[in-house]
Every structure is written in structure tokens, then in C-alpha cells.
Amino acid sequence: MFKASLLSLLSVVSFTSYASSMQALSGYWQYDDYLKAYPKQKALTEQLSTVVRENPTPITVTQDKPITISVVYPGHQISDYWSRNIKAFEKRLEKIGIRYSINQVFTRPSVDVRQQSLSLLAAVKNKSDYLIFTLDSTRHRKFVEHVMSSTDTKLILQNITTPVKAWEDRQPFMYVGFDHLNGTKMLEDYYKTNIKDDSRYSVLYFSEGYISNARGDTFIEEMSRNSSFKLSSSFYTTATRESGYQAAMNALEKDSSLSFMYACSTDVALGAADALSTLGRQDVVINGWGGGTAELEAITRGDLDVTVMRMNDDIGIAMAEAIKWDLEGKPVPQVYSGDFELVTSHDSAEKIKELEKRAFRYSGQ
């Protein structure tokens, strides 16, 4: 299926074995630990969680002018998380009556480095009121530090819910997303419950960076600490379907006795499912990560066995409500994580439809 690109991928996909780090996120506050350490923040986060689940209420102040928002997202993926997120964000802004102008740029994860840099610099130059970005690499971190130290732009870091400890004195406006550790824990519990002890497995990472650490390294840590499962191999990918395919093929060539593969993202999971189909290895269990439309369709077909499904639109709504609170002069929580639900290939079509209605309540319209 992907023969034309396999040879070229061999030169760009970085492979590693036994990439477990016993301090996978040592430079970050874990979400639950942060909220326990800062009770006032916990109260604000809980208040925002309540508002996100409720119907929208109009902003209580009059704006002098529209706010300006810049969004730079790694949205060119099979996963529809990012595109749905921005749709929910804009719909909630409109429903609560915030006047705004938005400039959004979608890039490819780990690839469009120059485009990301130019878009971020333009956002700073134009003095955007709010900048929504992510944090996955050292390069991202340096830019974030520049924005926080030398501009008045308020930075919302998306897809990260673990505050950076080194930024204790100057944190971004907000961290928001679905906590990777909590989602990973749900998948750990699934594998421990449904796969027999002493089984062998492989980890198919995202590209090198924070997401691989948060979803991949923490999975390996927990599985090695509290179970008898054996890590056979682990592979970094370029976060694409093709590289997921190649990593899965390599994992099975290295060890044909694998019982399951733990995939760290949608595109990687779907590529691995392609490889299992090519090899006729329906006995190998494979998970998705995120539960977007492509994953749910794959689960319905039986191509994926399980996923942890984000209640996707929570995050777009949370960002809009946080901006509303800021404009109203109210304190905004430092961190917010949306809700997850576990979905398996054994779940009924009716259950999945109900979860879709909840998760995509704005972006599905």
C-alpha cells in the first residue's frame, strides 16, 4: 500500500529500542499533582469545568474593539482534533458575544518548521492579544520563553496540561488540553485487563518530543513497574500514517510474537493497522489515541481495538470561556484538562453515537 514511500521513510524515521525513561516528565508538574499543590488553582479549574459543560452565557463587559487572536496548530494530520478544536472555539466565542478577529495557520507536526516560525513571528509582530500554540519540542520552548519574557501577548499552550517547573515565576496565560497521562493510564488499564500476563509489546511513538514522552515513556514506565508485560521494542516515527506503517512492520520483523502495539497518535495507529492488515495479523491488538472521526470509523470496522476518546470540543469551549473571564477581569485557571471516555470495538454503535454527540457538540454542527 505504501511501497513507493517505504524506502524514503527508512532514512527519515528514527528508531530506538527500550526508550523508557524513569523520569519521563521530570521537568513538569503532573496535572493532578499541580492542582493538589495549588488549591486556589484547583478551585478555578473546577469552576471552568462546570462552565464548559453548561450552556453559554453572554460576556458581561463591553469591548472597545475586537480582540486579535493568532492560532498556529499542527493541524495537517488525519486526526481531526485540531480542526474541530478551532471550530468549537470560534462557535463558543460567537455564542458568548465576544468580538474577535482570528488568524489561523495549520502546519504539519515536526515538518513545517519554517512555516511555524514565520507564523509565530508574525503573531508577535502584529501584537496579537492572544496566541494559541503548542509545546512539543525544544525549539517550541525557546520561542515560548521569548513570547513570555518580551511581549504582552497572552499565550495559550494547547495540548499540554503539565506546567513547566522552570517557568514557575512566569507561566503562560494558560495550559489547556486533554491530560496525556490520564489518557495513557486508561489505555494501560485496558491492556492490563484484556491482555494476558507476560505478553510482549512494542511502542510506536509520535515524533521525538513532549507528546512521545507524555504518552509513550509514561506508558512504558507504568507497564514495567506494575506488570509482567515485556517491552520488545519502541520506535520513533515522523507522526505520519506511512511512518506508523513502517514502524509496525519493523516491530513484527524484530519480534513476531508481539501481542499488542501501543500507538501514541491517530496517524501512527492507522498506519500500524495498515501493516497488520497487510500481514494478516489480526491477532495483534492495536490502540488509537484521541478518538476522532477516523479512529471511530476504524474501530467500527475492526481495524483498531480500543482508543481513549477525548470529549473534543471541551477544549475549544474552555479557551473561549477563559478569554471571556480575562476580559471580564476575573482570574483564569493556569491549567485545564477535558474529559476522556474509553471506546472499544465491542461497544455498540448507539454508545459511540452518543459519545460523538457529546464530544463534537459544536464541531459536528
Protein backbone atom coordinates (compact mmCIF):
# COMPACT_ATOMS: atom_id res chain seq x y z
CA MET A 1 0.00 0.00 0.00
CA PHE A 2 2.81 2.36 0.82
CA LYS A 3 5.63 0.66 -1.13
CA ALA A 4 6.60 3.81 -3.00
CA SER A 5 7.38 5.69 0.18
CA LEU A 6 8.88 2.95 2.34
CA LEU A 7 12.44 3.27 1.15
CA SER A 8 12.49 7.03 1.62
CA LEU A 9 10.97 6.64 5.05
CA LEU A 10 13.80 4.41 6.16
CA SER A 11 16.10 7.40 6.04
CA VAL A 12 13.85 9.75 7.99
CA VAL A 13 12.21 7.55 10.62
CA SER A 14 14.33 7.45 13.75
CA PHE A 15 14.23 4.11 15.52
CA THR A 16 15.18 3.36 19.09
CA SER A 17 14.83 0.38 21.39
CA TYR A 18 13.87 0.43 25.03
CA ALA A 19 13.37 4.19 25.11
CA SER A 20 11.87 4.10 28.59
CA SER A 21 12.79 6.98 30.84
CA MET A 22 12.02 6.56 34.51
CA GLN A 23 11.63 10.34 34.73
CA ALA A 24 9.66 10.89 31.55
CA LEU A 25 8.20 14.22 32.65
CA SER A 26 10.60 15.24 35.40
CA GLY A 27 10.66 18.90 34.33
CA TYR A 28 6.88 19.27 34.50
CA TRP A 29 4.18 19.35 37.13
CA GLN A 30 1.83 16.43 36.60
CA TYR A 31 -1.73 17.73 36.21
CA ASP A 32 -3.22 16.19 39.34
CA ASP A 33 -0.14 16.98 41.44
CA TYR A 34 -0.23 20.64 40.37
CA LEU A 35 -3.87 21.02 41.38
CA LYS A 36 -3.19 19.38 44.74
CA ALA A 37 -0.25 21.72 45.35
CA TYR A 38 -2.26 24.84 44.46
CA PRO A 39 -5.79 24.63 45.94
CA LYS A 40 -6.82 28.03 44.52
CA GLN A 41 -5.93 26.82 41.04
CA LYS A 42 -7.88 23.63 41.63
CA ALA A 43 -10.96 25.66 42.54
CA LEU A 44 -10.63 27.80 39.39
CA THR A 45 -10.17 24.70 37.21
CA GLU A 46 -13.27 23.09 38.71
CA GLN A 47 -15.27 26.28 38.10
CA LEU A 48 -14.18 26.33 34.47
CA SER A 49 -15.05 22.64 34.08
CA THR A 50 -18.58 23.40 35.25
CA VAL A 51 -18.93 26.32 32.83
CA VAL A 52 -17.65 24.23 29.89
CA ARG A 53 -20.42 21.69 30.44
CA GLU A 54 -23.14 24.34 30.73
CA ASN A 55 -24.95 26.41 28.10
CA PRO A 56 -23.14 29.63 27.12
CA THR A 57 -23.87 32.93 28.86
CA PRO A 58 -23.03 36.34 27.29
CA ILE A 59 -19.96 38.35 28.25
CA THR A 60 -20.79 41.00 30.87
CA VAL A 61 -18.49 43.80 29.66
CA THR A 62 -18.49 45.94 26.52
CA GLN A 63 -15.42 45.60 24.30
CA ASP A 64 -13.78 48.77 22.96
CA LYS A 65 -12.63 46.83 19.92
CA PRO A 66 -12.40 43.23 18.71
CA ILE A 67 -9.64 41.17 20.28
CA THR A 68 -7.00 39.71 17.97
CA ILE A 69 -6.17 36.01 18.15
CA SER A 70 -3.41 34.12 16.35
CA VAL A 71 -3.54 30.32 16.13
CA VAL A 72 -0.64 28.15 14.95
CA TYR A 73 -1.66 24.48 15.01
CA PRO A 74 -0.09 21.23 13.72
CA GLY A 75 -3.44 20.57 12.07
CA HIS A 76 -2.38 18.78 8.87
CA GLN A 77 -2.98 15.27 10.24
CA ILE A 78 -5.56 12.55 9.74
CA SER A 79 -6.68 13.31 13.28
CA ASP A 80 -9.40 15.96 13.22
CA TYR A 81 -8.66 17.09 16.77
CA TRP A 82 -7.15 20.42 15.77
CA SER A 83 -9.69 21.41 13.11
CA ARG A 84 -12.63 20.51 15.36
CA ASN A 85 -10.98 22.38 18.21
CA ILE A 86 -10.77 25.67 16.37
CA LYS A 87 -14.35 25.31 15.10
CA ALA A 88 -15.65 24.79 18.66
CA PHE A 89 -13.53 27.71 19.87
CA GLU A 90 -14.97 30.14 17.34
CA LYS A 91 -18.55 28.95 17.84
CA ARG A 92 -18.31 29.44 21.59
CA LEU A 93 -16.76 32.91 21.15
CA GLU A 94 -19.72 33.85 18.97
CA LYS A 95 -22.31 32.37 21.34
CA ILE A 96 -20.94 34.35 24.30
CA GLY A 97 -20.78 37.55 22.26
CA ILE A 98 -17.03 38.19 22.05
CA ARG A 99 -15.94 40.33 19.12
CA TYR A 100 -12.74 38.99 17.62
CA SER A 101 -10.56 38.59 14.57
CA ILE A 102 -8.54 35.43 14.10
CA ASN A 103 -5.57 34.40 12.01
CA GLN A 104 -5.00 30.66 11.89
CA VAL A 105 -2.21 28.63 10.33
CA PHE A 106 -2.25 24.83 10.15
CA THR A 107 1.12 23.09 9.74
CA ARG A 108 2.42 19.51 9.74
CA PRO A 109 3.83 18.21 13.04
CA SER A 110 7.64 18.05 13.13
CA VAL A 111 7.89 19.09 9.45
CA ASP A 112 6.83 22.67 8.69
CA VAL A 113 9.42 24.29 10.94
CA ARG A 114 9.94 27.39 8.81
CA GLN A 115 6.19 27.98 8.37
CA GLN A 116 5.66 27.68 12.12
CA SER A 117 8.46 30.13 12.83
CA LEU A 118 7.22 32.71 10.33
CA SER A 119 3.65 32.47 11.61
CA LEU A 120 4.72 32.81 15.22
CA LEU A 121 6.93 35.79 14.48
CA ALA A 122 4.08 37.45 12.58
CA ALA A 123 1.77 36.96 15.57
CA VAL A 124 4.27 38.67 17.86
CA LYS A 125 5.00 41.46 15.37
CA ASN A 126 1.28 42.16 14.97
CA LYS A 127 0.89 42.29 18.75
CA SER A 128 -1.92 39.73 18.88
CA ASP A 129 -3.86 39.84 22.13
CA TYR A 130 -3.84 36.06 22.38
CA LEU A 131 -1.61 33.46 20.75
CA ILE A 132 -2.63 29.79 20.77
CA PHE A 133 0.26 27.42 20.16
CA THR A 134 1.56 24.08 21.36
CA LEU A 135 4.70 22.83 23.09
CA ASP A 136 6.30 19.65 21.80
CA SER A 137 9.99 20.38 21.18
CA THR A 138 12.98 22.34 22.45
CA ARG A 139 12.52 24.70 19.52
CA HIS A 140 8.94 25.44 20.62
CA ARG A 141 10.09 26.01 24.18
CA LYS A 142 12.61 28.66 23.21
CA PHE A 143 10.00 30.59 21.29
CA VAL A 144 7.51 30.35 24.15
CA GLU A 145 10.10 31.73 26.56
CA HIS A 146 10.71 34.64 24.19
CA VAL A 147 6.98 35.46 23.98
CA MET A 148 6.53 35.33 27.76
CA SER A 149 9.57 37.46 28.53
CA SER A 150 9.35 40.17 25.88
CA THR A 151 5.74 40.65 24.70
CA ASP A 152 2.29 41.46 26.10
CA THR A 153 0.67 38.73 24.02
CA LYS A 154 -1.16 36.23 26.22
CA LEU A 155 -0.06 32.72 25.39
CA ILE A 156 -2.41 29.73 25.49
CA LEU A 157 -0.46 26.49 25.23
CA GLN A 158 -2.63 23.81 23.65
CA ASN A 159 -2.30 20.03 24.04
CA ILE A 160 -0.26 20.30 27.22
CA THR A 161 -1.65 20.21 30.78
CA THR A 162 1.59 19.84 32.75
CA PRO A 163 3.03 23.24 33.78
CA VAL A 164 6.76 23.67 33.20
CA LYS A 165 8.53 23.82 36.57
CA ALA A 166 11.30 26.09 35.30
CA TRP A 167 8.70 28.76 34.43
CA GLU A 168 7.42 28.98 38.00
CA ASP A 169 7.83 32.78 38.14
CA ARG A 170 6.39 33.47 34.68
CA GLN A 171 3.92 30.96 33.33
CA PRO A 172 1.91 31.32 30.11
CA PHE A 173 -1.66 32.61 30.32
CA MET A 174 -2.99 29.05 30.28
CA TYR A 175 -2.21 25.38 29.62
CA VAL A 176 -5.16 23.56 28.07
CA GLY A 177 -5.77 20.14 26.53
CA PHE A 178 -6.53 16.56 27.43
CA ASP A 179 -4.08 15.32 30.01
CA HIS A 180 -1.83 12.81 28.25
CA LEU A 181 -1.02 10.94 31.45
CA ASN A 182 -4.65 10.39 32.40
CA GLY A 183 -5.49 9.20 28.88
CA THR A 184 -2.47 6.90 28.87
CA LYS A 185 -3.49 5.47 32.25
CA MET A 186 -6.86 4.43 30.79
CA LEU A 187 -5.11 2.53 27.99
CA GLU A 188 -2.69 0.94 30.48
CA ASP A 189 -5.65 -0.34 32.49
CA TYR A 190 -7.27 -1.72 29.33
CA TYR A 191 -4.17 -3.68 28.33
CA LYS A 192 -3.59 -5.00 31.84
CA THR A 193 -7.20 -6.20 31.99
CA ASN A 194 -7.54 -7.64 28.49
CA ILE A 195 -4.07 -8.98 27.58
CA LYS A 196 -2.57 -11.96 29.37
CA ASP A 197 0.44 -11.51 31.66
CA ASP A 198 3.96 -11.89 30.27
CA SER A 199 2.83 -10.74 26.82
CA ARG A 200 5.29 -8.88 24.61
CA TYR A 201 4.56 -5.48 23.10
CA SER A 202 6.02 -2.64 21.06
CA VAL A 203 5.59 1.13 21.48
CA LEU A 204 5.11 3.26 18.35
CA TYR A 205 5.94 6.80 19.33
CA PHE A 206 4.91 10.14 17.86
CA SER A 207 7.89 12.24 16.70
CA GLU A 208 10.56 12.91 19.32
CA GLY A 209 9.36 15.43 21.90
CA TYR A 210 6.89 16.09 24.69
CA ILE A 211 3.96 14.05 23.32
CA SER A 212 6.11 10.93 22.94
CA ASN A 213 7.42 11.44 26.47
CA ALA A 214 3.97 12.01 27.96
CA ARG A 215 2.15 9.21 26.12
CA GLY A 216 4.94 6.75 25.36
CA ASP A 217 7.58 6.91 28.07
CA THR A 218 5.00 7.09 30.86
CA PHE A 219 3.23 4.04 29.41
CA ILE A 220 6.49 2.06 29.42
CA GLU A 221 7.30 3.21 32.96
CA GLU A 222 3.95 2.09 34.32
CA MET A 223 3.85 -1.21 32.44
CA SER A 224 7.36 -2.14 33.55
CA ARG A 225 6.74 -1.12 37.16
CA ASN A 226 3.41 -2.75 37.86
CA SER A 227 3.04 -5.69 35.49
CA SER A 228 4.86 -8.60 33.89
CA PHE A 229 4.48 -7.36 30.32
CA LYS A 230 7.68 -7.34 28.28
CA LEU A 231 8.69 -4.37 26.12
CA SER A 232 10.09 -5.86 22.93
CA SER A 233 10.86 -2.66 21.01
CA SER A 234 10.00 1.00 20.58
CA PHE A 235 10.18 3.20 17.51
CA TYR A 236 10.05 6.92 16.94
CA THR A 237 8.08 7.93 13.86
CA THR A 238 7.59 11.13 11.90
CA ALA A 239 3.99 11.25 13.20
CA THR A 240 2.53 10.16 9.84
CA ARG A 241 0.50 7.16 8.71
CA GLU A 242 3.34 5.98 6.47
CA SER A 243 5.89 6.05 9.29
CA GLY A 244 3.44 4.23 11.59
CA TYR A 245 3.15 1.53 8.91
CA GLN A 246 6.92 1.18 8.65
CA ALA A 247 7.44 1.14 12.42
CA ALA A 248 4.84 -1.62 12.84
CA MET A 249 6.43 -3.68 10.05
CA ASN A 250 9.82 -3.33 11.74
CA ALA A 251 8.38 -4.23 15.14
CA LEU A 252 6.93 -7.50 13.81
CA GLU A 253 10.05 -8.31 11.81
CA LYS A 254 12.04 -7.93 15.01
CA ASP A 255 9.59 -9.96 17.12
CA SER A 256 6.74 -11.92 15.51
CA SER A 257 5.36 -12.93 18.92
CA LEU A 258 4.02 -9.47 19.82
CA SER A 259 0.61 -9.46 21.49
CA PHE A 260 -0.07 -5.75 21.11
CA MET A 261 1.29 -2.46 19.86
CA TYR A 262 0.81 0.75 21.80
CA ALA A 263 0.44 3.68 19.36
CA CYS A 264 0.88 7.27 20.54
CA SER A 265 -1.27 9.07 17.95
CA THR A 266 -4.05 8.64 15.40
CA ASP A 267 -1.90 8.73 12.27
CA VAL A 268 0.62 6.28 13.71
CA ALA A 269 -2.16 3.93 14.86
CA LEU A 270 -3.85 3.88 11.45
CA GLY A 271 -0.51 3.18 9.75
CA ALA A 272 0.13 0.32 12.15
CA ALA A 273 -3.36 -1.04 11.43
CA ASP A 274 -2.50 -0.97 7.71
CA ALA A 275 0.62 -3.02 8.43
CA LEU A 276 -1.32 -5.58 10.47
CA SER A 277 -3.83 -5.89 7.63
CA THR A 278 -1.03 -6.36 5.09
CA LEU A 279 0.50 -9.13 7.21
CA GLY A 280 -2.82 -10.71 8.15
CA ARG A 281 -2.01 -10.26 11.85
CA GLN A 282 -5.44 -9.60 13.32
CA ASP A 283 -4.19 -11.34 16.48
CA VAL A 284 -2.08 -8.29 17.37
CA VAL A 285 -4.08 -5.71 19.35
CA ILE A 286 -3.62 -2.04 18.41
CA ASN A 287 -4.98 1.13 20.05
CA GLY A 288 -5.77 4.60 18.80
CA TRP A 289 -5.14 7.77 20.79
CA GLY A 290 -7.73 10.55 20.80
CA GLY A 291 -10.92 9.06 19.40
CA GLY A 292 -11.50 11.40 16.48
CA THR A 293 -13.68 10.53 13.48
CA ALA A 294 -11.02 8.48 11.66
CA GLU A 295 -10.35 6.36 14.75
CA LEU A 296 -14.02 5.76 15.50
CA GLU A 297 -14.58 4.62 11.92
CA ALA A 298 -11.56 2.30 12.21
CA ILE A 299 -12.91 0.86 15.47
CA THR A 300 -16.30 0.27 13.83
CA ARG A 301 -14.55 -1.63 11.01
CA GLY A 302 -12.46 -3.60 13.50
CA ASP A 303 -9.16 -2.10 12.30
CA LEU A 304 -8.47 -0.69 15.79
CA ASP A 305 -9.33 -2.45 19.04
CA VAL A 306 -9.53 0.41 21.53
CA THR A 307 -8.99 4.13 21.91
CA VAL A 308 -9.16 6.78 24.57
CA MET A 309 -11.68 9.30 23.24
CA ARG A 310 -11.33 12.98 24.04
CA MET A 311 -14.52 14.95 24.55
CA ASN A 312 -13.04 17.05 21.81
CA ASP A 313 -14.95 20.33 21.92
CA ASP A 314 -14.33 20.81 25.65
CA ILE A 315 -11.02 22.46 24.84
CA GLY A 316 -12.24 24.99 22.29
CA ILE A 317 -15.04 25.92 24.69
CA ALA A 318 -12.62 26.19 27.63
CA MET A 319 -10.33 28.57 25.72
CA ALA A 320 -13.26 30.80 24.75
CA GLU A 321 -14.56 30.90 28.32
CA ALA A 322 -11.09 31.65 29.69
CA ILE A 323 -10.77 34.62 27.34
CA LYS A 324 -14.22 35.80 28.45
CA TRP A 325 -13.18 35.62 32.10
CA ASP A 326 -9.99 37.53 31.26
CA LEU A 327 -11.92 40.30 29.50
CA GLU A 328 -14.27 40.49 32.49
CA GLY A 329 -11.28 40.90 34.83
CA LYS A 330 -11.74 37.52 36.50
CA PRO A 331 -8.87 35.16 37.41
CA VAL A 332 -8.27 32.38 34.88
CA PRO A 333 -7.06 28.89 35.86
CA GLN A 334 -3.49 28.08 34.98
CA VAL A 335 -4.41 24.64 33.64
CA TYR A 336 -7.46 22.80 32.32
CA SER A 337 -7.98 19.24 31.06
CA GLY A 338 -11.05 17.93 29.24
CA ASP A 339 -12.79 14.59 29.80
CA PHE A 340 -11.96 11.16 28.30
CA GLU A 341 -14.03 8.05 27.59
CA LEU A 342 -12.66 4.60 26.71
CA VAL A 343 -14.09 3.18 23.47
CA THR A 344 -13.55 -0.39 22.25
CA SER A 345 -14.50 -2.42 19.19
CA HIS A 346 -17.06 -4.21 21.37
CA ASP A 347 -19.03 -1.04 22.09
CA SER A 348 -22.39 -0.63 20.40
CA ALA A 349 -22.98 1.80 17.56
CA GLU A 350 -25.52 3.56 19.79
CA LYS A 351 -22.96 4.18 22.55
CA ILE A 352 -20.43 5.58 20.08
CA LYS A 353 -23.07 7.86 18.54
CA GLU A 354 -23.94 9.27 21.95
CA LEU A 355 -20.27 9.93 22.72
CA GLU A 356 -19.89 11.66 19.35
CA LYS A 357 -22.82 13.95 20.14
CA ARG A 358 -21.16 14.93 23.41
CA ALA A 359 -17.61 15.23 22.08
CA PHE A 360 -18.49 17.08 18.86
CA ARG A 361 -21.41 19.15 20.13
CA TYR A 362 -20.17 22.28 18.35
CA SER A 363 -17.77 20.98 15.71
CA GLY A 364 -20.26 18.39 14.48
CA GLN A 365 -22.85 21.02 13.55
